[in-house]
C-alpha atoms as a PDB file:
ATOM      1  CA  UNK A   1      92.175 -93.799 109.100  1.00  0.00           C
ATOM      2  CA  UNK A   2      90.601 -90.885 110.912  1.00  0.00           C
ATOM      3  CA  UNK A   3      93.953 -89.361 111.937  1.00  0.00           C
ATOM      4  CA  UNK A   4      92.999 -89.337 115.621  1.00  0.00           C
ATOM      5  CA  UNK A   5      96.566 -88.614 116.798  1.00  0.00           C
ATOM      6  CA  UNK A   6      96.750 -85.376 114.854  1.00  0.00           C
ATOM      7  CA  UNK A   7      93.227 -84.396 115.851  1.00  0.00           C
ATOM      8  CA  UNK A   8      93.994 -84.901 119.555  1.00  0.00           C
ATOM      9  CA  UNK A   9      97.117 -82.712 119.472  1.00  0.00           C
ATOM     10  CA  UNK A  10      97.450 -79.074 120.438  1.00  0.00           C
ATOM     11  CA  UNK A  11      95.593 -76.570 122.509  1.00  0.00           C
ATOM     12  CA  UNK A  12      95.635 -76.147 126.255  1.00  0.00           C
ATOM     13  CA  UNK A  13      96.584 -79.214 128.293  1.00  0.00           C
ATOM     14  CA  UNK A  14      93.318 -79.081 130.248  1.00  0.00           C
ATOM     15  CA  UNK A  15      91.055 -78.681 127.218  1.00  0.00           C
ATOM     16  CA  UNK A  16      89.324 -81.602 125.553  1.00  0.00           C
ATOM     17  CA  UNK A  17      90.227 -80.479 122.055  1.00  0.00           C
ATOM     18  CA  UNK A  18      88.459 -82.807 119.603  1.00  0.00           C
ATOM     19  CA  UNK A  19      88.008 -85.600 122.152  1.00  0.00           C
ATOM     20  CA  UNK A  20      84.212 -85.614 122.221  1.00  0.00           C
ATOM     21  CA  UNK A  21      83.924 -85.624 118.416  1.00  0.00           C
ATOM     22  CA  UNK A  22      86.316 -88.570 118.224  1.00  0.00           C
ATOM     23  CA  UNK A  23      84.370 -90.418 120.926  1.00  0.00           C
ATOM     24  CA  UNK A  24      81.181 -89.921 118.900  1.00  0.00           C
ATOM     25  CA  UNK A  25      82.903 -91.332 115.799  1.00  0.00           C
ATOM     26  CA  UNK A  26      84.138 -94.401 117.682  1.00  0.00           C
ATOM     27  CA  UNK A  27      80.730 -94.971 119.251  1.00  0.00           C
ATOM     28  CA  UNK A  28      79.191 -94.844 115.761  1.00  0.00           C
ATOM     29  CA  UNK A  29      81.826 -97.196 114.272  1.00  0.00           C
ATOM     30  CA  UNK A  30      83.283 -99.667 116.804  1.00  0.00           C
ATOM     31  CA  UNK A  31      86.064-100.681 114.412  1.00  0.00           C
ATOM     32  CA  UNK A  32      87.631 -97.214 114.846  1.00  0.00           C
ATOM     33  CA  UNK A  33      88.461 -98.037 118.472  1.00  0.00           C
ATOM     34  CA  UNK A  34      91.805 -99.596 117.508  1.00  0.00           C
ATOM     35  CA  UNK A  35      93.023 -96.307 116.022  1.00  0.00           C
ATOM     36  CA  UNK A  36      92.024 -94.435 119.177  1.00  0.00           C
ATOM     37  CA  UNK A  37      93.642 -97.055 121.433  1.00  0.00           C
ATOM     38  CA  UNK A  38      96.833 -96.694 119.399  1.00  0.00           C
ATOM     39  CA  UNK A  39      96.955 -93.013 120.416  1.00  0.00           C
ATOM     40  CA  UNK A  40      98.149 -94.184 123.848  1.00  0.00           C
ATOM     41  CA  UNK A  41     101.513 -94.879 122.203  1.00  0.00           C
ATOM     42  CA  UNK A  42     101.974 -91.360 120.868  1.00  0.00           C
ATOM     43  CA  UNK A  43     104.928 -89.393 122.251  1.00  0.00           C
ATOM     44  CA  UNK A  44     102.655 -86.408 122.923  1.00  0.00           C
ATOM     45  CA  UNK A  45     101.380 -86.427 126.510  1.00  0.00           C
ATOM     46  CA  UNK A  46      98.371 -84.260 125.547  1.00  0.00           C
ATOM     47  CA  UNK A  47      97.298 -86.909 123.040  1.00  0.00           C
ATOM     48  CA  UNK A  48      97.636 -89.597 125.730  1.00  0.00           C
ATOM     49  CA  UNK A  49      95.662 -87.491 128.230  1.00  0.00           C
ATOM     50  CA  UNK A  50      92.836 -86.959 125.751  1.00  0.00           C
ATOM     51  CA  UNK A  51      92.943 -90.643 124.792  1.00  0.00           C
ATOM     52  CA  UNK A  52      92.408 -91.515 128.461  1.00  0.00           C
ATOM     53  CA  UNK A  53      89.477 -89.118 128.637  1.00  0.00           C
ATOM     54  CA  UNK A  54      88.004 -90.702 125.516  1.00  0.00           C
ATOM     55  CA  UNK A  55      88.386 -94.209 127.011  1.00  0.00           C
ATOM     56  CA  UNK A  56      86.312 -93.266 130.062  1.00  0.00           C
ATOM     57  CA  UNK A  57      83.618 -91.740 127.879  1.00  0.00           C
ATOM     58  CA  UNK A  58      83.462 -94.772 125.598  1.00  0.00           C
ATOM     59  CA  UNK A  59      83.428 -97.167 128.549  1.00  0.00           C
ATOM     60  CA  UNK A  60      80.474 -95.327 130.090  1.00  0.00           C
ATOM     61  CA  UNK A  61      78.548 -95.262 126.818  1.00  0.00           C
ATOM     62  CA  UNK A  62      79.448 -98.629 125.259  1.00  0.00           C
ATOM     63  CA  UNK A  63      81.824-100.618 127.409  1.00  0.00           C
ATOM     64  CA  UNK A  64      81.647-103.726 125.212  1.00  0.00           C
ATOM     65  CA  UNK A  65      84.094-101.973 122.880  1.00  0.00           C
ATOM     66  CA  UNK A  66      86.770-101.990 125.597  1.00  0.00           C
ATOM     67  CA  UNK A  67      86.303-105.571 126.827  1.00  0.00           C
ATOM     68  CA  UNK A  68      88.556-107.178 124.173  1.00  0.00           C
ATOM     69  CA  UNK A  69      91.287-104.710 125.200  1.00  0.00           C
ATOM     70  CA  UNK A  70      91.308-105.457 128.950  1.00  0.00           C
ATOM     71  CA  UNK A  71      94.538-107.470 128.730  1.00  0.00           C
ATOM     72  CA  UNK A  72      96.222-104.656 126.813  1.00  0.00           C
ATOM     73  CA  UNK A  73      95.124-102.129 129.441  1.00  0.00           C
ATOM     74  CA  UNK A  74      96.594-104.398 132.128  1.00  0.00           C
ATOM     75  CA  UNK A  75      99.901-104.835 130.348  1.00  0.00           C
ATOM     76  CA  UNK A  76     100.699-102.106 127.846  1.00  0.00           C
ATOM     77  CA  UNK A  77      98.749 -99.133 129.211  1.00  0.00           C
ATOM     78  CA  UNK A  78      99.712 -99.941 132.800  1.00  0.00           C
ATOM     79  CA  UNK A  79     103.342 -99.352 131.744  1.00  0.00           C
ATOM     80  CA  UNK A  80     102.707 -95.744 130.677  1.00  0.00           C
ATOM     81  CA  UNK A  81     104.353 -93.415 133.162  1.00  0.00           C
ATOM     82  CA  UNK A  82     101.725 -90.677 133.020  1.00  0.00           C
ATOM     83  CA  UNK A  83      99.305 -89.825 135.786  1.00  0.00           C
ATOM     84  CA  UNK A  84      96.283 -89.551 133.486  1.00  0.00           C
ATOM     85  CA  UNK A  85      96.847 -93.085 132.187  1.00  0.00           C
ATOM     86  CA  UNK A  86      97.105 -94.430 135.733  1.00  0.00           C
ATOM     87  CA  UNK A  87      94.030 -92.685 137.130  1.00  0.00           C
ATOM     88  CA  UNK A  88      92.057 -93.710 134.060  1.00  0.00           C
ATOM     89  CA  UNK A  89      93.059 -97.337 134.600  1.00  0.00           C
ATOM     90  CA  UNK A  90      91.598 -97.234 138.113  1.00  0.00           C
ATOM     91  CA  UNK A  91      88.362 -95.821 136.749  1.00  0.00           C
ATOM     92  CA  UNK A  92      88.195 -98.317 133.885  1.00  0.00           C
ATOM     93  CA  UNK A  93      88.949-101.257 136.173  1.00  0.00           C
ATOM     94  CA  UNK A  94      86.068-100.150 138.379  1.00  0.00           C
ATOM     95  CA  UNK A  95      83.714 -99.949 135.398  1.00  0.00           C
ATOM     96  CA  UNK A  96      84.917-103.182 133.789  1.00  0.00           C
ATOM     97  CA  UNK A  97      85.126-105.321 136.942  1.00  0.00           C
ATOM     98  CA  UNK A  98      82.152-107.531 136.027  1.00  0.00           C
ATOM     99  CA  UNK A  99      83.699-108.185 132.615  1.00  0.00           C
ATOM    100  CA  UNK A 100      87.130-109.162 133.950  1.00  0.00           C
ATOM    101  CA  UNK A 101      88.407-112.637 134.763  1.00  0.00           C
ATOM    102  CA  UNK A 102      89.740-113.484 138.230  1.00  0.00           C
ATOM    103  CA  UNK A 103      93.282-113.315 136.817  1.00  0.00           C
ATOM    104  CA  UNK A 104      92.608-109.893 135.298  1.00  0.00           C
ATOM    105  CA  UNK A 105      91.153-108.625 138.598  1.00  0.00           C
ATOM    106  CA  UNK A 106      94.284-109.802 140.415  1.00  0.00           C
ATOM    107  CA  UNK A 107      96.492-108.043 137.889  1.00  0.00           C
ATOM    108  CA  UNK A 108      94.399-104.845 138.199  1.00  0.00           C
ATOM    109  CA  UNK A 109      94.730-104.997 141.999  1.00  0.00           C
ATOM    110  CA  UNK A 110      98.495-105.320 141.675  1.00  0.00           C
ATOM    111  CA  UNK A 111      98.667-102.247 139.422  1.00  0.00           C
ATOM    112  CA  UNK A 112      96.418-100.172 141.660  1.00  0.00           C
ATOM    113  CA  UNK A 113      98.147-101.289 144.869  1.00  0.00           C
ATOM    114  CA  UNK A 114     101.458-100.206 143.379  1.00  0.00           C
ATOM    115  CA  UNK A 115      99.960 -96.842 142.431  1.00  0.00           C
ATOM    116  CA  UNK A 116      98.438 -96.299 145.859  1.00  0.00           C
ATOM    117  CA  UNK A 117     101.685 -97.207 147.584  1.00  0.00           C
ATOM    118  CA  UNK A 118     104.068 -95.324 145.284  1.00  0.00           C
ATOM    119  CA  UNK A 119     102.341 -92.632 143.242  1.00  0.00           C
ATOM    120  CA  UNK A 120     102.128 -89.034 144.372  1.00  0.00           C
ATOM    121  CA  UNK A 121      99.618 -87.566 141.907  1.00  0.00           C
ATOM    122  CA  UNK A 122      96.488 -86.556 143.818  1.00  0.00           C
ATOM    123  CA  UNK A 123      94.068 -87.739 141.113  1.00  0.00           C
ATOM    124  CA  UNK A 124      95.815 -91.107 140.798  1.00  0.00           C
ATOM    125  CA  UNK A 125      95.573 -91.523 144.576  1.00  0.00           C
ATOM    126  CA  UNK A 126      91.914 -90.474 144.753  1.00  0.00           C
ATOM    127  CA  UNK A 127      90.731 -92.624 141.843  1.00  0.00           C
ATOM    128  CA  UNK A 128      92.744 -95.603 143.034  1.00  0.00           C
ATOM    129  CA  UNK A 129      91.378 -95.278 146.579  1.00  0.00           C
ATOM    130  CA  UNK A 130      87.842 -95.291 145.163  1.00  0.00           C
ATOM    131  CA  UNK A 131      88.195 -98.486 143.163  1.00  0.00           C
ATOM    132  CA  UNK A 132      90.304-100.382 145.696  1.00  0.00           C
ATOM    133  CA  UNK A 133      87.986 -99.454 148.577  1.00  0.00           C
ATOM    134  CA  UNK A 134      84.956-100.647 146.619  1.00  0.00           C
ATOM    135  CA  UNK A 135      86.752-103.923 145.890  1.00  0.00           C
ATOM    136  CA  UNK A 136      88.044-104.228 149.481  1.00  0.00           C
ATOM    137  CA  UNK A 137      84.473-104.376 150.783  1.00  0.00           C
ATOM    138  CA  UNK A 138      84.240-107.907 149.372  1.00  0.00           C
ATOM    139  CA  UNK A 139      87.911-108.921 149.620  1.00  0.00           C
ATOM    140  CA  UNK A 140      89.271-109.383 153.149  1.00  0.00           C
ATOM    141  CA  UNK A 141      92.896-109.595 152.031  1.00  0.00           C
ATOM    142  CA  UNK A 142      92.626-106.339 150.075  1.00  0.00           C
ATOM    143  CA  UNK A 143      90.753-104.784 152.992  1.00  0.00           C
ATOM    144  CA  UNK A 144      93.664-105.609 155.315  1.00  0.00           C
ATOM    145  CA  UNK A 145      96.166-104.285 152.778  1.00  0.00           C
ATOM    146  CA  UNK A 146      94.448-100.963 152.078  1.00  0.00           C
ATOM    147  CA  UNK A 147      93.713 -99.844 155.658  1.00  0.00           C
ATOM    148  CA  UNK A 148      97.286 -98.765 156.542  1.00  0.00           C
ATOM    149  CA  UNK A 149      97.550 -96.960 153.206  1.00  0.00           C
ATOM    150  CA  UNK A 150      94.345 -95.073 153.874  1.00  0.00           C
ATOM    151  CA  UNK A 151      95.627 -94.190 157.334  1.00  0.00           C
ATOM    152  CA  UNK A 152      98.829 -92.842 155.769  1.00  0.00           C
ATOM    153  CA  UNK A 153      96.868 -90.829 153.217  1.00  0.00           C
ATOM    154  CA  UNK A 154      94.566 -89.339 155.862  1.00  0.00           C
ATOM    155  CA  UNK A 155      97.674 -87.418 156.960  1.00  0.00           C
ATOM    156  CA  UNK A 156      98.382 -86.159 153.403  1.00  0.00           C
ATOM    157  CA  UNK A 157      98.769 -82.382 153.231  1.00  0.00           C
ATOM    158  CA  UNK A 158      96.440 -82.192 150.215  1.00  0.00           C
ATOM    159  CA  UNK A 159      92.876 -81.796 151.419  1.00  0.00           C
ATOM    160  CA  UNK A 160      91.329 -83.768 148.557  1.00  0.00           C
ATOM    161  CA  UNK A 161      93.576 -86.760 149.264  1.00  0.00           C
ATOM    162  CA  UNK A 162      93.190 -86.677 153.046  1.00  0.00           C
ATOM    163  CA  UNK A 163      89.411 -86.184 152.836  1.00  0.00           C
ATOM    164  CA  UNK A 164      89.008 -89.027 150.363  1.00  0.00           C
ATOM    165  CA  UNK A 165      91.183 -91.333 152.462  1.00  0.00           C
ATOM    166  CA  UNK A 166      89.105 -90.552 155.555  1.00  0.00           C
ATOM    167  CA  UNK A 167      85.869 -91.184 153.643  1.00  0.00           C
ATOM    168  CA  UNK A 168      87.174 -94.489 152.244  1.00  0.00           C
ATOM    169  CA  UNK A 169      88.438 -95.560 155.659  1.00  0.00           C
ATOM    170  CA  UNK A 170      85.029 -94.820 157.168  1.00  0.00           C
ATOM    171  CA  UNK A 171      83.332 -96.832 154.421  1.00  0.00           C
ATOM    172  CA  UNK A 172      85.437 -99.863 155.290  1.00  0.00           C
ATOM    173  CA  UNK A 173      84.527 -99.532 158.971  1.00  0.00           C
ATOM    174  CA  UNK A 174      80.807 -99.912 158.209  1.00  0.00           C
END
């Protein structure tokens, strides 16, 4: 045990703390991934935020470590009511798409569609728009579903959300 939960605690919410060191340890020893994944179930939201950050870093560097956990991301992690977990899922789904089954893709779409329709966090909305728009380019049903949501988000008072929605809408018009 590397005591990842304790090592991810404390400090400023927006700081990485020991995240990068832990990522390096997991990348060096794949079998440590389970302990890091388990940090998602900690009561401390800072630990969960840093765990999400670590997941993106590991996926970019060595995504094969995450592939056996796709079903758990779709079920257990999708249930975490924390914006950082939700925006990370959208990013991970985008990175893991080629490694997912058709059933897993459908489940990921359902999660992201729910987030785009019901979430209010600007990062969740932006990351979800990115992945869903990319997928909608090759999925007519998703394309039809996302267009009214993008139109709604173009009117969002937050510039980052409205700008992203406009950009994504324009991409689908190409």
